[in-house]
Amino acid sequence: MLVVAISCVAFGSWQIARYEWKHDTNSELRRNNGAPIIPLSQVLPLVGKGTPNADTTEYRRVTVTGTYDATHETLVRGQVASAQQGFYILTPLRISSNANTTDATTILVVRGLLPARNSEPPKSPVPAPPTTEVTLTGSVRLPDKGHDGYGQLPADQVESVSPTDQAGRLQQPLYNGYLQLDASQPGTTDLIALDAPDLSNPAGGAVEPQHFAYIVQWYLFAMFALAAPWVMARSELKREGTDNDDSGTTEHDAEGNAGAEQAVIARKLADRYGN
C-alpha cells in the first residue's frame, strides 16, 4: 500500500505540472489573440531560419499585403469548419516589396473551406482568389507535423499544411507557418469561413478544471492506500475477538448438553435395571 500511495502522489504531482502548463499556455494563447495587430514579419521566422514559438506565435493577429499565387494552390483534405467536412483552400501569397518585409516573399494562406464528403474530390470548382494586390488580416497558425504527401494523392491535394515541403516546391523563401483568414477577407468569397479559436481552452485537450479534478483524485487514492492497512487490521482484530467470544460460548453449551444427555441415559438405565 505504501508503494501504491507513492505512485498516486507521483501521478498527482504530474497532474499539478500539467495543470500549470495548461493554465499558462491558455493564458498565452488568449493574450496572443487579443494583442494588437502587427505585421507578419514580426511574428514568424522563415523556413530553415528557426522554429516558431507556440506561446508567442499561435493565434497572433497579423496583417500582410501581397498577391495570391493561384497556380500553386493546394487542397488540404480531411478538414472541418462550421460542422462541415471538406478541404482547406491553401493559397500562397507573394508578399509585396512595400509590405515591410525584407527577408521573406511568401506566406501560405488558408482562404476557407470548400465542402466535400470525406476526402472525395470537391464537386464544385475552387473559387478563384483576387488577382490584384490585397491586404489581409488573420491569425497565425503553426505548421502541421509530418510531410504533406503531395504527389501521393489526387492532383493538388495534401494531407497537412507543411511550409517546409511547400518551400521545396515553390523554390522561394517561405514563412514557417500559415495565415488563417478572418471572415469576409479578400479571397474568402464562396468559401466557408474557418472557426474562430476556442478561447475557453485554446491549448486543446482536457480543460483546466479536469486537470484539477485529477489532482484531487490521485491524492485521495494515496490517502485511501495509506488508510487501507489500518482499516484491514482493525477489521481482523474485531473479527478475531468475536470468534473467541463465540467459541467460548459454544464449548460451555456443548459441555452442558453432554451432561444433560448422560443424566437422561443414567436415569433410564437406573429405571430398567434398578427395578
Protein backbone atom coordinates (compact mmCIF):
# COMPACT_ATOMS: atom_id res chain seq x y z
CA MET A 1 0.00 0.00 0.00
CA LEU A 2 2.94 2.33 0.62
CA VAL A 3 4.17 1.73 -2.95
CA VAL A 4 0.65 2.39 -4.25
CA ALA A 5 0.45 5.61 -2.22
CA ILE A 6 3.82 6.84 -3.53
CA SER A 7 2.71 6.10 -7.10
CA CYS A 8 -0.54 8.01 -6.60
CA VAL A 9 1.33 11.01 -5.18
CA ALA A 10 3.66 10.92 -8.21
CA PHE A 11 0.70 10.93 -10.60
CA GLY A 12 -0.94 13.75 -8.65
CA SER A 13 2.26 15.82 -8.79
CA TRP A 14 2.47 15.21 -12.55
CA GLN A 15 -1.11 16.46 -12.91
CA ILE A 16 -0.14 19.61 -10.99
CA ALA A 17 2.57 20.23 -13.59
CA ARG A 18 0.08 19.53 -16.38
CA TYR A 19 -2.44 21.92 -14.82
CA GLU A 20 0.15 24.71 -14.52
CA TRP A 21 1.28 24.15 -18.14
CA LYS A 22 -2.31 24.20 -19.42
CA HIS A 23 -3.16 27.33 -17.44
CA ASP A 24 -0.04 29.18 -18.65
CA THR A 25 -0.49 28.07 -22.27
CA ASN A 26 -4.16 29.06 -22.38
CA SER A 27 -3.27 32.45 -20.91
CA GLU A 28 -0.57 32.98 -23.54
CA LEU A 29 -2.84 31.98 -26.43
CA ARG A 30 -5.65 34.23 -25.21
CA ARG A 31 -3.14 37.06 -24.85
CA ASN A 32 -1.89 36.45 -28.41
CA ASN A 33 -5.40 36.53 -29.83
CA GLY A 34 -6.23 39.78 -28.04
CA ALA A 35 -2.95 41.56 -28.77
CA PRO A 36 -2.83 44.47 -31.27
CA ILE A 37 -2.49 43.52 -34.94
CA ILE A 38 1.13 43.72 -36.15
CA PRO A 39 2.96 42.99 -39.43
CA LEU A 40 3.50 39.31 -40.21
CA SER A 41 7.29 39.76 -40.44
CA GLN A 42 7.44 40.49 -36.69
CA VAL A 43 5.93 37.14 -35.75
CA LEU A 44 7.10 34.24 -37.93
CA PRO A 45 10.60 33.11 -38.96
CA LEU A 46 11.39 31.74 -42.40
CA VAL A 47 11.61 28.03 -43.14
CA GLY A 48 15.12 26.95 -42.22
CA LYS A 49 15.71 30.09 -40.15
CA GLY A 50 14.12 29.00 -36.91
CA THR A 51 11.18 27.29 -35.25
CA PRO A 52 8.20 29.43 -34.27
CA ASN A 53 7.46 29.65 -30.56
CA ALA A 54 3.91 28.44 -29.95
CA ASP A 55 3.46 30.52 -26.78
CA THR A 56 4.17 33.80 -28.59
CA THR A 57 3.08 32.94 -32.14
CA GLU A 58 -0.06 30.78 -32.23
CA TYR A 59 -3.26 32.83 -32.79
CA ARG A 60 -1.30 36.09 -33.03
CA ARG A 61 -3.22 38.61 -35.12
CA VAL A 62 -1.25 39.96 -38.09
CA THR A 63 -1.64 41.85 -41.35
CA VAL A 64 0.16 41.38 -44.67
CA THR A 65 -0.06 42.76 -48.21
CA GLY A 66 0.60 40.77 -51.36
CA THR A 67 -0.78 38.96 -54.39
CA TYR A 68 -2.29 35.47 -54.43
CA ASP A 69 -0.43 32.76 -56.38
CA ALA A 70 -3.33 30.55 -57.53
CA THR A 71 -1.08 28.42 -59.76
CA HIS A 72 0.47 26.78 -56.66
CA GLU A 73 -2.78 26.39 -54.74
CA THR A 74 -3.34 23.10 -52.86
CA LEU A 75 -6.31 21.45 -51.13
CA VAL A 76 -5.77 20.19 -47.57
CA ARG A 77 -8.00 17.15 -47.16
CA GLY A 78 -9.88 15.89 -44.10
CA GLN A 79 -10.69 19.29 -42.55
CA VAL A 80 -13.78 20.61 -40.73
CA ALA A 81 -15.27 24.10 -40.39
CA SER A 82 -18.73 25.12 -39.19
CA ALA A 83 -19.51 21.41 -38.66
CA GLN A 84 -18.92 20.67 -42.37
CA GLN A 85 -16.25 18.41 -43.85
CA GLY A 86 -14.16 19.39 -46.78
CA PHE A 87 -10.85 20.85 -47.99
CA TYR A 88 -8.90 23.85 -46.76
CA ILE A 89 -8.02 26.01 -49.75
CA LEU A 90 -4.34 26.77 -49.20
CA THR A 91 -3.05 29.54 -51.47
CA PRO A 92 0.44 31.11 -51.38
CA LEU A 93 0.54 34.89 -51.09
CA ARG A 94 3.51 36.62 -52.70
CA ILE A 95 4.29 39.45 -50.33
CA SER A 96 4.68 42.91 -51.84
CA SER A 97 8.05 44.56 -51.51
CA ASN A 98 6.50 47.55 -49.73
CA ALA A 99 4.82 45.39 -47.06
CA ASN A 100 7.61 45.96 -44.50
CA THR A 101 9.14 42.54 -45.22
CA THR A 102 12.73 42.42 -46.34
CA ASP A 103 13.66 38.74 -45.99
CA ALA A 104 10.52 36.82 -46.97
CA THR A 105 8.48 36.63 -50.14
CA THR A 106 5.62 34.19 -49.50
CA ILE A 107 3.16 33.10 -46.80
CA LEU A 108 0.68 30.22 -47.07
CA VAL A 109 -2.91 31.40 -46.59
CA VAL A 110 -5.94 29.26 -45.72
CA ARG A 111 -8.71 31.17 -47.52
CA GLY A 112 -11.53 28.95 -46.23
CA LEU A 113 -13.12 25.53 -46.56
CA LEU A 114 -14.68 24.01 -49.69
CA PRO A 115 -17.31 21.42 -48.65
CA ALA A 116 -16.80 17.81 -49.75
CA ARG A 117 -17.78 14.38 -48.41
CA ASN A 118 -14.90 12.64 -46.65
CA SER A 119 -11.84 13.05 -48.89
CA GLU A 120 -13.64 12.78 -52.22
CA PRO A 121 -12.75 15.47 -54.78
CA PRO A 122 -14.97 18.53 -54.39
CA LYS A 123 -17.90 18.62 -56.82
CA SER A 124 -17.79 22.39 -57.22
CA PRO A 125 -14.78 24.28 -58.62
CA VAL A 126 -12.49 26.13 -56.25
CA PRO A 127 -13.41 29.84 -56.17
CA ALA A 128 -10.57 31.86 -57.64
CA PRO A 129 -8.82 34.41 -55.43
CA PRO A 130 -8.43 38.07 -56.46
CA THR A 131 -5.70 38.71 -59.00
CA THR A 132 -4.92 42.19 -57.69
CA GLU A 133 -2.87 43.14 -54.65
CA VAL A 134 -4.73 42.58 -51.38
CA THR A 135 -4.19 43.38 -47.72
CA LEU A 136 -5.15 40.51 -45.43
CA THR A 137 -5.81 40.19 -41.72
CA GLY A 138 -5.92 36.88 -39.87
CA SER A 139 -4.46 34.64 -37.21
CA VAL A 140 -1.06 32.97 -37.38
CA ARG A 141 -1.15 29.19 -37.11
CA LEU A 142 1.76 26.83 -36.63
CA PRO A 143 2.72 24.19 -39.22
CA ASP A 144 1.28 20.69 -39.05
CA LYS A 145 3.67 17.86 -38.18
CA GLY A 146 4.90 15.47 -40.85
CA HIS A 147 5.07 15.65 -44.62
CA ASP A 148 2.07 16.80 -46.62
CA GLY A 149 2.06 13.81 -49.00
CA TYR A 150 1.99 15.93 -52.16
CA GLY A 151 2.29 13.74 -55.26
CA GLN A 152 0.93 10.66 -53.50
CA LEU A 153 -2.65 11.96 -53.54
CA PRO A 154 -5.03 13.13 -56.27
CA ALA A 155 -3.94 16.28 -58.07
CA ASP A 156 -3.23 19.31 -55.85
CA GLN A 157 -4.28 17.54 -52.64
CA VAL A 158 -2.16 17.38 -49.48
CA GLU A 159 -2.58 15.78 -46.05
CA SER A 160 -1.35 18.71 -43.98
CA VAL A 161 -0.01 22.26 -44.06
CA SER A 162 3.76 21.86 -44.29
CA PRO A 163 5.68 25.06 -45.15
CA THR A 164 8.89 23.02 -45.31
CA ASP A 165 7.54 20.81 -48.12
CA GLN A 166 5.90 23.77 -49.84
CA ALA A 167 9.15 25.77 -49.77
CA GLY A 168 10.92 22.96 -51.61
CA ARG A 169 8.30 23.01 -54.37
CA LEU A 170 7.97 26.81 -54.61
CA GLN A 171 11.73 27.36 -54.53
CA GLN A 172 11.38 30.67 -52.71
CA PRO A 173 11.63 31.96 -49.13
CA LEU A 174 8.53 30.97 -47.18
CA TYR A 175 7.33 31.77 -43.68
CA ASN A 176 7.36 28.81 -41.29
CA GLY A 177 3.65 28.87 -40.53
CA TYR A 178 0.43 29.89 -42.23
CA LEU A 179 -2.28 32.53 -42.04
CA GLN A 180 -5.89 31.69 -41.20
CA LEU A 181 -8.03 34.45 -42.68
CA ASP A 182 -10.79 36.25 -40.87
CA ALA A 183 -14.25 36.07 -42.42
CA SER A 184 -15.00 38.50 -45.28
CA GLN A 185 -11.33 38.96 -46.15
CA PRO A 186 -10.30 39.16 -49.83
CA GLY A 187 -10.25 35.62 -51.22
CA THR A 188 -12.87 34.14 -48.88
CA THR A 189 -15.86 34.63 -51.20
CA ASP A 190 -17.94 31.45 -51.73
CA LEU A 191 -15.88 29.56 -49.13
CA ILE A 192 -16.86 28.58 -45.60
CA ALA A 193 -15.01 30.67 -43.04
CA LEU A 194 -12.85 28.75 -40.60
CA ASP A 195 -13.98 28.54 -37.00
CA ALA A 196 -12.59 31.18 -34.67
CA PRO A 197 -10.19 29.88 -32.00
CA ASP A 198 -11.93 28.40 -28.96
CA LEU A 199 -10.52 30.71 -26.31
CA SER A 200 -12.19 28.74 -23.49
CA ASN A 201 -9.46 26.12 -23.92
CA PRO A 202 -7.25 27.16 -26.87
CA ALA A 203 -4.48 24.70 -25.98
CA GLY A 204 -6.91 21.81 -26.56
CA GLY A 205 -7.16 18.54 -24.66
CA ALA A 206 -8.52 18.34 -21.13
CA VAL A 207 -9.84 21.59 -19.71
CA GLU A 208 -8.19 23.14 -16.66
CA PRO A 209 -10.88 22.03 -14.11
CA GLN A 210 -10.44 18.47 -15.36
CA HIS A 211 -6.72 18.53 -14.52
CA PHE A 212 -7.60 19.92 -11.07
CA ALA A 213 -10.07 17.07 -10.55
CA TYR A 214 -7.33 14.57 -11.49
CA ILE A 215 -5.06 16.11 -8.83
CA VAL A 216 -7.69 15.68 -6.12
CA GLN A 217 -8.44 12.16 -7.33
CA TRP A 218 -4.84 10.92 -7.19
CA TYR A 219 -4.18 12.36 -3.72
CA LEU A 220 -7.41 10.81 -2.41
CA PHE A 221 -6.25 7.47 -3.81
CA ALA A 222 -2.96 7.92 -1.92
CA MET A 223 -4.84 8.59 1.34
CA PHE A 224 -7.04 5.53 0.80
CA ALA A 225 -3.96 3.38 0.17
CA LEU A 226 -2.31 4.54 3.41
CA ALA A 227 -5.52 4.05 5.41
CA ALA A 228 -6.27 0.60 3.98
CA PRO A 229 -3.81 -1.42 6.18
CA TRP A 230 -5.15 0.17 9.39
CA VAL A 231 -8.76 -0.49 8.40
CA MET A 232 -7.97 -4.08 7.45
CA ALA A 233 -6.00 -4.71 10.67
CA ARG A 234 -8.79 -3.26 12.83
CA SER A 235 -11.33 -5.40 11.00
CA GLU A 236 -9.26 -8.56 11.57
CA LEU A 237 -8.81 -7.82 15.30
CA LYS A 238 -12.51 -7.23 15.72
CA ARG A 239 -13.33 -10.45 13.87
CA GLU A 240 -10.84 -12.47 15.97
CA GLY A 241 -12.36 -11.09 19.20
CA THR A 242 -15.86 -12.05 18.04
CA ASP A 243 -14.68 -15.54 17.09
CA ASN A 244 -13.10 -16.04 20.53
CA ASP A 245 -16.30 -14.99 22.30
CA ASP A 246 -18.38 -17.28 20.13
CA SER A 247 -16.04 -20.25 20.63
CA GLY A 248 -16.19 -19.92 24.44
CA THR A 249 -19.96 -19.88 24.48
CA THR A 250 -20.13 -22.85 22.20
CA GLU A 251 -17.83 -25.02 24.35
CA HIS A 252 -19.82 -24.22 27.50
CA ASP A 253 -23.10 -25.03 25.80
CA ALA A 254 -21.66 -28.25 24.40
CA GLU A 255 -20.50 -29.41 27.85
CA GLY A 256 -23.93 -28.63 29.31
CA ASN A 257 -25.71 -30.55 26.58
CA ALA A 258 -23.42 -33.56 27.01
CA GLY A 259 -24.06 -33.65 30.77
CA ALA A 260 -27.82 -33.50 30.28
CA GLU A 261 -27.73 -36.40 27.82
CA GLN A 262 -25.63 -38.53 30.19
CA ALA A 263 -28.08 -37.81 33.05
CA VAL A 264 -31.01 -38.94 30.90
CA ILE A 265 -29.21 -42.14 29.95
CA ALA A 266 -28.28 -42.87 33.56
CA ARG A 267 -31.88 -42.35 34.66
CA LYS A 268 -33.18 -44.73 32.02
CA LEU A 269 -30.61 -47.38 32.98
CA ALA A 270 -31.49 -46.98 36.65
CA ASP A 271 -35.18 -47.37 35.90
CA ARG A 272 -34.61 -50.50 33.83
CA TYR A 273 -32.06 -52.39 35.90
CA GLY A 274 -32.72 -50.89 39.31
CA ASN A 275 -36.18 -52.39 39.39
